[in-house]
Amino acid sequence: QVQLVESGGGLVQAGGSLRLSCAVSGRLFSSARLGWFRQAPGKEREIVAAITRSGDKIYYADSVKGRFTISRENAKNTVYLQMNSLKPEDTAVYYCAAGTGWPTELRFGERYYDYWGQGTQVTVSS
């Protein structure tokens, strides 16, 4: 059974840091491009960061570039999103996702991701 399980969300003050983790089923982890998306209240879901299967290509949305870091740890079948210098506008539900098509290429649209986690809430207070 394919599973993606996020953890690490919570409440933090502006300027603080959080690290999100997403545990991915083993077979899926080794074959998929992985991404982090977020959805703020009243807004559409948007991509935050993506990383290819081998980790050689990484994408960040302009809004998080220089503050967030995506990484994958093969030994633990886990993808991380390190979030530093958090801002109130980063408040959202964060989802990890896995895409099995074009795993060696970056893809940004939701339609390129086949499997999704349940989401974890990140709230940044001002």
Protein backbone atom coordinates (compact mmCIF):
# COMPACT_ATOMS: atom_id res chain seq x y z
CA GLN A 1 0.00 0.00 0.00
CA VAL A 2 1.35 3.36 -1.01
CA GLN A 3 1.66 5.76 1.87
CA LEU A 4 2.99 9.24 2.45
CA VAL A 5 2.83 10.42 6.04
CA GLU A 6 3.80 13.97 6.95
CA SER A 7 4.88 15.20 10.36
CA GLY A 8 6.55 18.21 11.90
CA GLY A 9 3.96 20.92 11.48
CA GLY A 10 2.94 23.24 14.28
CA LEU A 11 2.77 26.79 15.56
CA VAL A 12 5.85 28.99 15.38
CA GLN A 13 6.60 32.69 15.67
CA ALA A 14 7.69 34.72 12.68
CA GLY A 15 11.40 34.28 12.10
CA GLY A 16 11.37 30.78 13.53
CA SER A 17 12.04 27.41 11.92
CA LEU A 18 10.29 24.10 11.41
CA ARG A 19 11.28 20.90 9.67
CA LEU A 20 8.62 18.87 7.94
CA SER A 21 9.17 15.19 7.30
CA CYS A 22 7.35 12.85 4.95
CA ALA A 23 7.81 9.10 5.23
CA VAL A 24 7.21 7.43 1.89
CA SER A 25 6.57 3.77 1.07
CA GLY A 26 9.87 2.19 0.08
CA ARG A 27 9.17 1.18 -3.50
CA LEU A 28 7.56 4.51 -4.27
CA PHE A 29 10.34 6.51 -2.65
CA SER A 30 13.05 5.01 -4.84
CA SER A 31 11.15 5.59 -8.07
CA ALA A 32 9.45 8.94 -7.66
CA ARG A 33 9.99 12.63 -7.93
CA LEU A 34 8.91 14.22 -4.65
CA GLY A 35 7.38 17.56 -3.92
CA TRP A 36 6.01 19.76 -1.18
CA PHE A 37 2.86 21.76 -1.80
CA ARG A 38 0.88 24.08 0.44
CA GLN A 39 -2.62 25.46 0.58
CA ALA A 40 -3.51 28.56 2.54
CA PRO A 41 -7.12 29.36 3.49
CA GLY A 42 -9.04 30.65 0.51
CA LYS A 43 -6.20 30.00 -1.89
CA GLU A 44 -5.32 27.32 -4.40
CA ARG A 45 -2.74 24.70 -3.61
CA GLU A 46 0.70 25.70 -4.84
CA ILE A 47 4.01 23.98 -5.19
CA VAL A 48 6.71 24.96 -2.72
CA ALA A 49 9.62 22.71 -3.68
CA ALA A 50 10.39 19.62 -5.72
CA ILE A 51 13.28 17.18 -5.98
CA THR A 52 13.97 14.53 -8.60
CA ARG A 53 14.42 10.84 -7.89
CA SER A 54 18.19 11.10 -7.66
CA GLY A 55 18.16 14.48 -5.99
CA ASP A 56 20.19 16.10 -8.75
CA LYS A 57 17.54 18.66 -9.66
CA ILE A 58 15.73 20.86 -7.18
CA TYR A 59 13.10 23.55 -7.58
CA TYR A 60 11.89 26.22 -5.18
CA ALA A 61 9.04 28.65 -5.54
CA ASP A 62 10.27 32.24 -5.57
CA SER A 63 8.39 32.93 -2.34
CA VAL A 64 10.50 30.44 -0.37
CA LYS A 65 13.82 30.55 -2.21
CA GLY A 66 16.70 31.10 0.21
CA ARG A 67 14.56 30.18 3.23
CA PHE A 68 13.38 26.61 2.58
CA THR A 69 15.42 23.51 1.76
CA ILE A 70 14.10 20.23 0.37
CA SER A 71 16.11 17.06 0.78
CA ARG A 72 15.62 13.32 0.63
CA GLU A 73 17.24 10.69 2.83
CA ASN A 74 17.33 7.36 1.05
CA ALA A 75 18.17 5.29 4.13
CA LYS A 76 14.95 6.43 5.79
CA ASN A 77 12.68 6.74 2.74
CA THR A 78 11.97 10.25 3.90
CA VAL A 79 11.77 13.65 2.27
CA TYR A 80 12.26 16.78 4.35
CA LEU A 81 11.36 20.44 4.07
CA GLN A 82 13.51 22.62 6.30
CA MET A 83 11.76 25.97 6.73
CA ASN A 84 13.72 28.90 8.14
CA SER A 85 12.88 32.58 8.60
CA LEU A 86 9.21 31.74 8.55
CA LYS A 87 6.69 34.45 7.76
CA PRO A 88 2.97 34.71 8.55
CA GLU A 89 2.27 34.26 4.85
CA ASP A 90 3.81 30.78 5.06
CA THR A 91 0.80 29.69 7.11
CA ALA A 92 -0.87 26.83 5.27
CA VAL A 93 -1.50 23.11 5.21
CA TYR A 94 1.59 21.50 3.75
CA TYR A 95 1.38 18.33 1.66
CA CYS A 96 4.06 16.03 0.37
CA ALA A 97 3.46 14.32 -2.94
CA ALA A 98 5.09 11.73 -5.16
CA GLY A 99 5.10 11.58 -8.93
CA THR A 100 6.05 8.45 -10.84
CA GLY A 101 6.06 9.96 -14.32
CA TRP A 102 9.29 11.66 -15.46
CA PRO A 103 11.05 10.98 -12.13
CA THR A 104 14.30 12.41 -13.44
CA GLU A 105 12.70 15.70 -14.40
CA LEU A 106 11.18 18.51 -12.36
CA ARG A 107 7.44 18.94 -12.69
CA PHE A 108 5.44 21.60 -10.90
CA GLY A 109 1.77 20.99 -11.53
CA GLU A 110 -0.44 18.90 -9.28
CA ARG A 111 -1.34 16.68 -12.22
CA TYR A 112 2.23 15.35 -12.27
CA TYR A 113 1.91 13.94 -8.75
CA ASP A 114 0.06 10.67 -8.25
CA TYR A 115 0.20 10.14 -4.49
CA TRP A 116 -0.43 12.60 -1.67
CA GLY A 117 -0.06 12.76 2.06
CA GLN A 118 -2.80 13.88 4.41
CA GLY A 119 -1.24 17.26 5.08
CA THR A 120 0.21 18.95 8.13
CA GLN A 121 -0.72 22.40 9.43
CA VAL A 122 1.92 25.10 9.71
CA THR A 123 0.90 28.30 11.47
CA VAL A 124 3.26 31.27 11.73
CA SER A 125 2.26 33.99 14.16
CA SER A 126 3.34 37.60 13.75
